[in-house]
């Protein structure tokens, strides 16, 4: 019985490790420190990245934690080594400190890449 368990364990582990997942390189900081932001004024942040996977990279989705944050991303496949940008527009209305998370979901990756916006709305 133990033998069957170990064979199944290593078979599943081998399949999981054998999946081709893209390797993303961020060319800009993944945390944007916006400092003091006036309420109702839009701030644009650009996150630049590339990847080194063998296959083209596709951004499946980009999600934010707040309606005050709107992302724009390339929808076409991205060739290896080519730099692309994700643009995030922040427009805060609630005064005080903020930390917003932007989750980027790439094809072949179960875990999202996280980008952050930090600052203080006056």
Protein backbone atom coordinates (compact mmCIF):
# COMPACT_ATOMS: atom_id res chain seq x y z
CA UNK A 1 0.00 0.00 0.00
CA UNK A 2 2.84 2.37 0.84
CA UNK A 3 4.46 1.64 -2.49
CA UNK A 4 1.28 2.61 -4.35
CA UNK A 5 1.08 5.83 -2.30
CA UNK A 6 4.69 6.81 -3.08
CA UNK A 7 4.29 6.03 -6.78
CA UNK A 8 1.14 8.21 -6.95
CA UNK A 9 2.83 10.99 -4.96
CA UNK A 10 5.88 11.17 -7.23
CA UNK A 11 3.73 10.86 -10.35
CA UNK A 12 1.58 13.84 -9.30
CA UNK A 13 4.64 15.81 -8.19
CA UNK A 14 6.38 15.13 -11.50
CA UNK A 15 3.38 16.29 -13.49
CA UNK A 16 3.12 19.49 -11.41
CA UNK A 17 6.82 20.29 -11.78
CA UNK A 18 6.76 19.52 -15.48
CA UNK A 19 4.19 22.21 -16.27
CA UNK A 20 5.58 25.08 -18.28
CA UNK A 21 4.98 28.22 -16.23
CA UNK A 22 6.15 31.61 -17.44
CA UNK A 23 8.95 33.36 -15.65
CA UNK A 24 8.02 37.02 -15.30
CA UNK A 25 10.65 39.72 -14.80
CA UNK A 26 9.45 43.09 -13.54
CA UNK A 27 11.54 46.01 -14.87
CA UNK A 28 9.89 48.51 -12.57
CA UNK A 29 9.28 48.24 -8.83
CA UNK A 30 6.23 46.11 -7.99
CA UNK A 31 5.28 48.63 -5.28
CA UNK A 32 4.42 52.13 -6.45
CA UNK A 33 4.73 54.68 -3.66
CA UNK A 34 2.52 57.57 -4.74
CA UNK A 35 3.08 59.74 -1.68
CA UNK A 36 0.40 62.38 -1.11
CA UNK A 37 -2.45 62.29 -3.61
CA UNK A 38 -5.25 64.84 -3.84
CA UNK A 39 -8.74 63.33 -3.45
CA UNK A 40 -10.47 62.93 -6.81
CA UNK A 41 -7.28 63.41 -8.85
CA UNK A 42 -6.20 60.51 -11.06
CA UNK A 43 -2.67 59.13 -10.79
CA UNK A 44 -1.25 56.80 -13.42
CA UNK A 45 1.30 54.11 -12.58
CA UNK A 46 3.14 51.99 -15.16
CA UNK A 47 4.48 48.53 -14.33
CA UNK A 48 6.85 47.19 -17.01
CA UNK A 49 7.60 43.48 -17.41
CA UNK A 50 8.93 40.79 -19.74
CA UNK A 51 9.21 37.02 -19.53
CA UNK A 52 11.57 34.23 -20.48
CA UNK A 53 9.18 31.32 -21.08
CA UNK A 54 9.47 29.31 -24.26
CA UNK A 55 5.87 30.05 -25.26
CA UNK A 56 4.10 33.40 -25.64
CA UNK A 57 2.71 34.84 -22.43
CA UNK A 58 -0.93 35.85 -22.11
CA UNK A 59 -2.41 37.94 -19.32
CA UNK A 60 -5.63 36.13 -18.45
CA UNK A 61 -6.93 38.79 -16.08
CA UNK A 62 -5.94 41.72 -13.87
CA UNK A 63 -7.98 42.31 -10.71
CA UNK A 64 -7.90 45.13 -8.21
CA UNK A 65 -9.03 45.33 -4.59
CA UNK A 66 -10.95 48.58 -5.01
CA UNK A 67 -13.15 50.39 -7.51
CA UNK A 68 -10.80 53.37 -7.23
CA UNK A 69 -8.16 51.43 -9.17
CA UNK A 70 -8.51 50.62 -12.90
CA UNK A 71 -5.96 48.47 -14.79
CA UNK A 72 -5.16 48.36 -18.51
CA UNK A 73 -3.09 45.50 -19.94
CA UNK A 74 -2.12 44.04 -23.33
CA UNK A 75 -4.56 41.38 -24.48
CA UNK A 76 -2.45 39.95 -27.31
CA UNK A 77 0.14 37.18 -26.66
CA UNK A 78 3.53 38.52 -25.56
CA UNK A 79 6.65 37.01 -27.12
CA UNK A 80 9.57 36.04 -24.86
CA UNK A 81 11.93 38.91 -24.06
CA UNK A 82 9.53 41.62 -25.26
CA UNK A 83 8.77 44.35 -22.72
CA UNK A 84 5.13 45.21 -22.08
CA UNK A 85 3.31 47.47 -19.63
CA UNK A 86 0.40 47.25 -17.25
CA UNK A 87 -1.06 50.69 -16.60
CA UNK A 88 -2.97 51.27 -13.38
CA UNK A 89 -5.01 54.41 -12.77
CA UNK A 90 -5.77 55.31 -9.15
CA UNK A 91 -8.40 57.85 -8.14
CA UNK A 92 -8.85 57.95 -4.38
CA UNK A 93 -11.78 59.61 -2.67
CA UNK A 94 -11.51 58.32 0.89
CA UNK A 95 -9.00 60.45 2.78
CA UNK A 96 -6.18 58.73 4.64
CA UNK A 97 -3.50 56.12 3.96
CA UNK A 98 -4.11 53.47 1.30
CA UNK A 99 -2.54 50.27 0.02
CA UNK A 100 -4.16 48.75 -3.05
CA UNK A 101 -3.33 45.36 -4.48
CA UNK A 102 -3.40 44.59 -8.20
CA UNK A 103 -3.37 40.87 -9.02
CA UNK A 104 -2.07 39.83 -12.44
CA UNK A 105 -3.01 36.36 -13.68
CA UNK A 106 -0.79 34.91 -16.42
CA UNK A 107 -1.51 31.78 -18.45
CA UNK A 108 0.05 28.69 -16.93
CA UNK A 109 0.30 30.19 -13.43
CA UNK A 110 -2.18 29.42 -10.67
CA UNK A 111 -0.82 32.08 -8.32
CA UNK A 112 -1.29 35.72 -9.25
CA UNK A 113 1.60 38.18 -9.39
CA UNK A 114 0.94 41.05 -6.99
CA UNK A 115 1.52 44.73 -7.60
CA UNK A 116 0.94 47.41 -4.96
CA UNK A 117 -0.05 51.08 -4.85
CA UNK A 118 0.65 52.94 -1.61
CA UNK A 119 0.17 56.48 -0.47
CA UNK A 120 -1.99 58.98 1.37
CA UNK A 121 -5.14 60.66 0.02
CA UNK A 122 -5.49 64.28 1.20
